[in-house]
Amino acid sequence: MKVKDLNGCEITVTNLDEAIRITAEYKEYEHINDRFSDLDKRLMNRYWTDMHEKLKKIKSKQSEQSRQSNRV
């Protein structure tokens, strides 16, 4: 599946659960180097949080579709 990031680039996701796990970790990372500006830190957090939320939304839709198809 493909997901568009904040920059409009399409990212190919081949393992949704793993992508959710990785983005959850990345959105919590902080720069070790103090030379990174606060803006850089905020932008990185925003990027990974956005991607994580998009992936969770896809997972939720897939789960809902699966539940609905199991009812029939």
PDB file of N, CA and C in Angstrom:
ATOM      1  N   MET A   1       0.841  -1.172   0.000  1.00  0.00           N
ATOM      2  CA  MET A   1       0.000   0.000   0.000  1.00  0.00           C
ATOM      3  C   MET A   1       0.886   1.235   0.000  1.00  0.00           C
ATOM      4  N   LYS A   2       0.325   2.338  -0.405  1.00  0.00           N
ATOM      5  CA  LYS A   2       1.065   3.592  -0.445  1.00  0.00           C
ATOM      6  C   LYS A   2       0.417   4.601   0.492  1.00  0.00           C
ATOM      7  N   VAL A   3       1.269   5.389   1.157  1.00  0.00           N
ATOM      8  CA  VAL A   3       0.821   6.427   2.079  1.00  0.00           C
ATOM      9  C   VAL A   3       1.573   7.700   1.718  1.00  0.00           C
ATOM     10  N   LYS A   4       0.862   8.817   1.668  1.00  0.00           N
ATOM     11  CA  LYS A   4       1.526  10.092   1.394  1.00  0.00           C
ATOM     12  C   LYS A   4       1.996  10.714   2.699  1.00  0.00           C
ATOM     13  N   ASP A   5       3.262  11.145   2.701  1.00  0.00           N
ATOM     14  CA  ASP A   5       3.787  11.804   3.892  1.00  0.00           C
ATOM     15  C   ASP A   5       3.442  13.291   3.861  1.00  0.00           C
ATOM     16  N   LEU A   6       3.897  14.015   4.860  1.00  0.00           N
ATOM     17  CA  LEU A   6       3.590  15.451   4.953  1.00  0.00           C
ATOM     18  C   LEU A   6       4.112  16.257   3.776  1.00  0.00           C
ATOM     19  N   ASN A   7       5.147  15.734   3.113  1.00  0.00           N
ATOM     20  CA  ASN A   7       5.740  16.434   1.982  1.00  0.00           C
ATOM     21  C   ASN A   7       5.092  16.050   0.661  1.00  0.00           C
ATOM     22  N   GLY A   8       4.101  15.174   0.717  1.00  0.00           N
ATOM     23  CA  GLY A   8       3.415  14.745  -0.490  1.00  0.00           C
ATOM     24  C   GLY A   8       4.086  13.579  -1.194  1.00  0.00           C
ATOM     25  N   CYS A   9       5.126  13.023  -0.602  1.00  0.00           N
ATOM     26  CA  CYS A   9       5.827  11.876  -1.189  1.00  0.00           C
ATOM     27  C   CYS A   9       5.070  10.599  -0.847  1.00  0.00           C
ATOM     28  N   GLU A  10       4.989   9.703  -1.829  1.00  0.00           N
ATOM     29  CA  GLU A  10       4.344   8.418  -1.582  1.00  0.00           C
ATOM     30  C   GLU A  10       5.347   7.457  -0.966  1.00  0.00           C
ATOM     31  N   ILE A  11       4.967   6.874   0.140  1.00  0.00           N
ATOM     32  CA  ILE A  11       5.778   5.896   0.847  1.00  0.00           C
ATOM     33  C   ILE A  11       5.098   4.544   0.684  1.00  0.00           C
ATOM     34  N   THR A  12       5.842   3.553   0.233  1.00  0.00           N
ATOM     35  CA  THR A  12       5.302   2.205   0.098  1.00  0.00           C
ATOM     36  C   THR A  12       5.440   1.471   1.430  1.00  0.00           C
ATOM     37  N   VAL A  13       4.332   0.948   1.907  1.00  0.00           N
ATOM     38  CA  VAL A  13       4.309   0.201   3.162  1.00  0.00           C
ATOM     39  C   VAL A  13       3.987  -1.250   2.827  1.00  0.00           C
ATOM     40  N   THR A  14       4.903  -2.142   3.182  1.00  0.00           N
ATOM     41  CA  THR A  14       4.689  -3.564   2.895  1.00  0.00           C
ATOM     42  C   THR A  14       4.268  -4.349   4.130  1.00  0.00           C
ATOM     43  N   ASN A  15       4.520  -3.802   5.312  1.00  0.00           N
ATOM     44  CA  ASN A  15       4.123  -4.462   6.557  1.00  0.00           C
ATOM     45  C   ASN A  15       3.540  -3.389   7.470  1.00  0.00           C
ATOM     46  N   LEU A  16       2.225  -3.308   7.503  1.00  0.00           N
ATOM     47  CA  LEU A  16       1.545  -2.241   8.228  1.00  0.00           C
ATOM     48  C   LEU A  16       1.835  -2.279   9.723  1.00  0.00           C
ATOM     49  N   ASP A  17       1.792  -3.439  10.329  1.00  0.00           N
ATOM     50  CA  ASP A  17       2.038  -3.527  11.771  1.00  0.00           C
ATOM     51  C   ASP A  17       3.444  -3.065  12.128  1.00  0.00           C
ATOM     52  N   GLU A  18       4.411  -3.467  11.326  1.00  0.00           N
ATOM     53  CA  GLU A  18       5.796  -3.061  11.577  1.00  0.00           C
ATOM     54  C   GLU A  18       5.966  -1.547  11.365  1.00  0.00           C
ATOM     55  N   ALA A  19       5.316  -1.013  10.346  1.00  0.00           N
ATOM     56  CA  ALA A  19       5.395   0.430  10.085  1.00  0.00           C
ATOM     57  C   ALA A  19       4.789   1.222  11.242  1.00  0.00           C
ATOM     58  N   ILE A  20       3.703   0.740  11.805  1.00  0.00           N
ATOM     59  CA  ILE A  20       3.081   1.396  12.956  1.00  0.00           C
ATOM     60  C   ILE A  20       4.034   1.360  14.154  1.00  0.00           C
ATOM     61  N   ARG A  21       4.659   0.226  14.373  1.00  0.00           N
ATOM     62  CA  ARG A  21       5.602   0.093  15.487  1.00  0.00           C
ATOM     63  C   ARG A  21       6.788   1.045  15.319  1.00  0.00           C
ATOM     64  N   ILE A  22       7.332   1.094  14.124  1.00  0.00           N
ATOM     65  CA  ILE A  22       8.505   1.947  13.872  1.00  0.00           C
ATOM     66  C   ILE A  22       8.151   3.422  14.009  1.00  0.00           C
ATOM     67  N   THR A  23       7.033   3.844  13.433  1.00  0.00           N
ATOM     68  CA  THR A  23       6.672   5.260  13.531  1.00  0.00           C
ATOM     69  C   THR A  23       6.351   5.650  14.964  1.00  0.00           C
ATOM     70  N   ALA A  24       5.808   4.726  15.746  1.00  0.00           N
ATOM     71  CA  ALA A  24       5.556   5.010  17.167  1.00  0.00           C
ATOM     72  C   ALA A  24       6.872   5.300  17.880  1.00  0.00           C
ATOM     73  N   GLU A  25       7.902   4.533  17.558  1.00  0.00           N
ATOM     74  CA  GLU A  25       9.220   4.767  18.153  1.00  0.00           C
ATOM     75  C   GLU A  25       9.814   6.081  17.668  1.00  0.00           C
ATOM     76  N   TYR A  26       9.758   6.311  16.369  1.00  0.00           N
ATOM     77  CA  TYR A  26      10.391   7.504  15.800  1.00  0.00           C
ATOM     78  C   TYR A  26       9.774   8.791  16.322  1.00  0.00           C
ATOM     79  N   LYS A  27       8.478   8.792  16.556  1.00  0.00           N
ATOM     80  CA  LYS A  27       7.855  10.038  17.020  1.00  0.00           C
ATOM     81  C   LYS A  27       8.261  10.394  18.445  1.00  0.00           C
ATOM     82  N   GLU A  28       8.875   9.434  19.151  1.00  0.00           N
ATOM     83  CA  GLU A  28       9.349   9.683  20.505  1.00  0.00           C
ATOM     84  C   GLU A  28      10.831  10.053  20.569  1.00  0.00           C
ATOM     85  N   TYR A  29      11.551   9.872  19.451  1.00  0.00           N
ATOM     86  CA  TYR A  29      12.987  10.171  19.457  1.00  0.00           C
ATOM     87  C   TYR A  29      13.255  11.651  19.607  1.00  0.00           C
ATOM     88  N   GLU A  30      14.373  11.958  20.220  1.00  0.00           N
ATOM     89  CA  GLU A  30      14.822  13.343  20.343  1.00  0.00           C
ATOM     90  C   GLU A  30      16.253  13.414  19.842  1.00  0.00           C
ATOM     91  N   HIS A  31      16.624  14.577  19.340  1.00  0.00           N
ATOM     92  CA  HIS A  31      17.998  14.773  18.882  1.00  0.00           C
ATOM     93  C   HIS A  31      18.947  14.786  20.072  1.00  0.00           C
ATOM     94  N   ILE A  32      20.054  14.101  19.926  1.00  0.00           N
ATOM     95  CA  ILE A  32      21.077  14.115  20.964  1.00  0.00           C
ATOM     96  C   ILE A  32      21.927  15.369  20.831  1.00  0.00           C
ATOM     97  N   ASN A  33      22.153  15.767  19.597  1.00  0.00           N
ATOM     98  CA  ASN A  33      22.993  16.924  19.305  1.00  0.00           C
ATOM     99  C   ASN A  33      22.223  18.210  19.587  1.00  0.00           C
ATOM    100  N   ASP A  34      22.742  19.040  20.472  1.00  0.00           N
ATOM    101  CA  ASP A  34      22.070  20.294  20.829  1.00  0.00           C
ATOM    102  C   ASP A  34      22.065  21.317  19.699  1.00  0.00           C
ATOM    103  N   ARG A  35      22.840  21.074  18.643  1.00  0.00           N
ATOM    104  CA  ARG A  35      22.892  22.038  17.549  1.00  0.00           C
ATOM    105  C   ARG A  35      21.615  22.029  16.714  1.00  0.00           C
ATOM    106  N   PHE A  36      20.792  20.998  16.866  1.00  0.00           N
ATOM    107  CA  PHE A  36      19.524  20.995  16.148  1.00  0.00           C
ATOM    108  C   PHE A  36      18.609  22.035  16.780  1.00  0.00           C
ATOM    109  N   SER A  37      17.978  22.783  15.932  1.00  0.00           N
ATOM    110  CA  SER A  37      17.100  23.833  16.439  1.00  0.00           C
ATOM    111  C   SER A  37      15.790  23.247  16.959  1.00  0.00           C
ATOM    112  N   ASP A  38      15.092  24.041  17.724  1.00  0.00           N
ATOM    113  CA  ASP A  38      13.770  23.626  18.199  1.00  0.00           C
ATOM    114  C   ASP A  38      12.840  23.359  17.021  1.00  0.00           C
ATOM    115  N   LEU A  39      12.993  24.145  15.957  1.00  0.00           N
ATOM    116  CA  LEU A  39      12.164  23.952  14.773  1.00  0.00           C
ATOM    117  C   LEU A  39      12.406  22.570  14.171  1.00  0.00           C
ATOM    118  N   ASP A  40      13.669  22.177  14.044  1.00  0.00           N
ATOM    119  CA  ASP A  40      13.974  20.848  13.519  1.00  0.00           C
ATOM    120  C   ASP A  40      13.323  19.766  14.372  1.00  0.00           C
ATOM    121  N   LYS A  41      13.422  19.924  15.677  1.00  0.00           N
ATOM    122  CA  LYS A  41      12.836  18.938  16.587  1.00  0.00           C
ATOM    123  C   LYS A  41      11.322  18.862  16.402  1.00  0.00           C
ATOM    124  N   ARG A  42      10.661  20.010  16.310  1.00  0.00           N
ATOM    125  CA  ARG A  42       9.210  20.024  16.141  1.00  0.00           C
ATOM    126  C   ARG A  42       8.798  19.429  14.799  1.00  0.00           C
ATOM    127  N   LEU A  43       9.553  19.745  13.739  1.00  0.00           N
ATOM    128  CA  LEU A  43       9.205  19.230  12.417  1.00  0.00           C
ATOM    129  C   LEU A  43       9.340  17.717  12.354  1.00  0.00           C
ATOM    130  N   MET A  44      10.393  17.172  12.961  1.00  0.00           N
ATOM    131  CA  MET A  44      10.577  15.721  12.963  1.00  0.00           C
ATOM    132  C   MET A  44       9.445  15.052  13.747  1.00  0.00           C
ATOM    133  N   ASN A  45       9.101  15.606  14.888  1.00  0.00           N
ATOM    134  CA  ASN A  45       8.012  15.043  15.676  1.00  0.00           C
ATOM    135  C   ASN A  45       6.706  15.117  14.897  1.00  0.00           C
ATOM    136  N   ARG A  46       6.462  16.223  14.246  1.00  0.00           N
ATOM    137  CA  ARG A  46       5.234  16.400  13.468  1.00  0.00           C
ATOM    138  C   ARG A  46       5.164  15.383  12.326  1.00  0.00           C
ATOM    139  N   TYR A  47       6.295  15.187  11.635  1.00  0.00           N
ATOM    140  CA  TYR A  47       6.341  14.253  10.517  1.00  0.00           C
ATOM    141  C   TYR A  47       5.984  12.841  10.977  1.00  0.00           C
ATOM    142  N   TRP A  48       6.668  12.347  12.010  1.00  0.00           N
ATOM    143  CA  TRP A  48       6.458  10.976  12.446  1.00  0.00           C
ATOM    144  C   TRP A  48       5.106  10.782  13.114  1.00  0.00           C
ATOM    145  N   THR A  49       4.617  11.797  13.814  1.00  0.00           N
ATOM    146  CA  THR A  49       3.283  11.706  14.422  1.00  0.00           C
ATOM    147  C   THR A  49       2.224  11.623  13.330  1.00  0.00           C
ATOM    148  N   ASP A  50       2.358  12.442  12.289  1.00  0.00           N
ATOM    149  CA  ASP A  50       1.418  12.417  11.171  1.00  0.00           C
ATOM    150  C   ASP A  50       1.416  11.052  10.488  1.00  0.00           C
ATOM    151  N   MET A  51       2.597  10.530  10.209  1.00  0.00           N
ATOM    152  CA  MET A  51       2.695   9.232   9.542  1.00  0.00           C
ATOM    153  C   MET A  51       2.104   8.134  10.426  1.00  0.00           C
ATOM    154  N   HIS A  52       2.387   8.184  11.708  1.00  0.00           N
ATOM    155  CA  HIS A  52       1.860   7.185  12.652  1.00  0.00           C
ATOM    156  C   HIS A  52       0.329   7.222  12.671  1.00  0.00           C
ATOM    157  N   GLU A  53      -0.241   8.396  12.726  1.00  0.00           N
ATOM    158  CA  GLU A  53      -1.702   8.520  12.751  1.00  0.00           C
ATOM    159  C   GLU A  53      -2.326   8.004  11.453  1.00  0.00           C
ATOM    160  N   LYS A  54      -1.709   8.284  10.323  1.00  0.00           N
ATOM    161  CA  LYS A  54      -2.228   7.796   9.038  1.00  0.00           C
ATOM    162  C   LYS A  54      -2.209   6.274   8.991  1.00  0.00           C
ATOM    163  N   LEU A  55      -1.127   5.685   9.464  1.00  0.00           N
ATOM    164  CA  LEU A  55      -1.015   4.224   9.455  1.00  0.00           C
ATOM    165  C   LEU A  55      -2.027   3.585  10.398  1.00  0.00           C
ATOM    166  N   LYS A  56      -2.220   4.168  11.566  1.00  0.00           N
ATOM    167  CA  LYS A  56      -3.214   3.635  12.507  1.00  0.00           C
ATOM    168  C   LYS A  56      -4.618   3.730  11.926  1.00  0.00           C
ATOM    169  N   LYS A  57      -4.890   4.787  11.189  1.00  0.00           N
ATOM    170  CA  LYS A  57      -6.206   4.960  10.564  1.00  0.00           C
ATOM    171  C   LYS A  57      -6.438   3.872   9.512  1.00  0.00           C
ATOM    172  N   ILE A  58      -5.412   3.576   8.727  1.00  0.00           N
ATOM    173  CA  ILE A  58      -5.514   2.505   7.734  1.00  0.00           C
ATOM    174  C   ILE A  58      -5.771   1.171   8.431  1.00  0.00           C
ATOM    175  N   LYS A  59      -5.032   0.907   9.493  1.00  0.00           N
ATOM    176  CA  LYS A  59      -5.189  -0.344  10.251  1.00  0.00           C
ATOM    177  C   LYS A  59      -6.607  -0.454  10.809  1.00  0.00           C
ATOM    178  N   SER A  60      -7.118   0.646  11.333  1.00  0.00           N
ATOM    179  CA  SER A  60      -8.470   0.657  11.883  1.00  0.00           C
ATOM    180  C   SER A  60      -9.507   0.354  10.796  1.00  0.00           C
ATOM    181  N   LYS A  61      -9.343   0.942   9.625  1.00  0.00           N
ATOM    182  CA  LYS A  61     -10.271   0.684   8.512  1.00  0.00           C
ATOM    183  C   LYS A  61     -10.201  -0.774   8.086  1.00  0.00           C
ATOM    184  N   GLN A  62      -8.983  -1.330   8.026  1.00  0.00           N
ATOM    185  CA  GLN A  62      -8.836  -2.730   7.657  1.00  0.00           C
ATOM    186  C   GLN A  62      -9.510  -3.640   8.685  1.00  0.00           C
ATOM    187  N   SER A  63      -9.339  -3.324   9.945  1.00  0.00           N
ATOM    188  CA  SER A  63      -9.945  -4.127  11.006  1.00  0.00           C
ATOM    189  C   SER A  63     -11.466  -4.067  10.932  1.00  0.00           C
ATOM    190  N   GLU A  64     -11.981  -2.880  10.691  1.00  0.00           N
ATOM    191  CA  GLU A  64     -13.436  -2.711  10.575  1.00  0.00           C
ATOM    192  C   GLU A  64     -13.973  -3.496   9.382  1.00  0.00           C
ATOM    193  N   GLN A  65     -13.282  -3.437   8.248  1.00  0.00           N
ATOM    194  CA  GLN A  65     -13.707  -4.186   7.065  1.00  0.00           C
ATOM    195  C   GLN A  65     -13.673  -5.680   7.332  1.00  0.00           C
ATOM    196  N   SER A  66     -12.664  -6.117   8.055  1.00  0.00           N
ATOM    197  CA  SER A  66     -12.543  -7.539   8.382  1.00  0.00           C
ATOM    198  C   SER A  66     -13.687  -7.981   9.290  1.00  0.00           C
ATOM    199  N   ARG A  67     -14.030  -7.170  10.281  1.00  0.00           N
ATOM    200  CA  ARG A  67     -15.139  -7.487  11.180  1.00  0.00           C
ATOM    201  C   ARG A  67     -16.452  -7.556  10.410  1.00  0.00           C
ATOM    202  N   GLN A  68     -16.642  -6.619   9.484  1.00  0.00           N
ATOM    203  CA  GLN A  68     -17.879  -6.594   8.715  1.00  0.00           C
ATOM    204  C   GLN A  68     -17.985  -7.803   7.795  1.00  0.00           C
ATOM    205  N   SER A  69     -16.877  -8.199   7.192  1.00  0.00           N
ATOM    206  CA  SER A  69     -16.926  -9.357   6.298  1.00  0.00           C
ATOM    207  C   SER A  69     -17.108 -10.659   7.062  1.00  0.00           C
ATOM    208  N   ASN A  70     -16.682 -10.684   8.327  1.00  0.00           N
ATOM    209  CA  ASN A  70     -16.878 -11.892   9.146  1.00  0.00           C
ATOM    210  C   ASN A  70     -18.320 -12.032   9.617  1.00  0.00           C
ATOM    211  N   ARG A  71     -19.069 -10.950   9.626  1.00  0.00           N
ATOM    212  CA  ARG A  71     -20.473 -10.995  10.055  1.00  0.00           C
ATOM    213  C   ARG A  71     -21.368 -11.580   8.977  1.00  0.00           C
ATOM    214  N   VAL A  72     -20.936 -11.486   7.743  1.00  0.00           N
ATOM    215  CA  VAL A  72     -21.784 -11.918   6.637  1.00  0.00           C
ATOM    216  C   VAL A  72     -21.701 -13.392   6.422  1.00  0.00           C
TER     217      VAL A  72
END
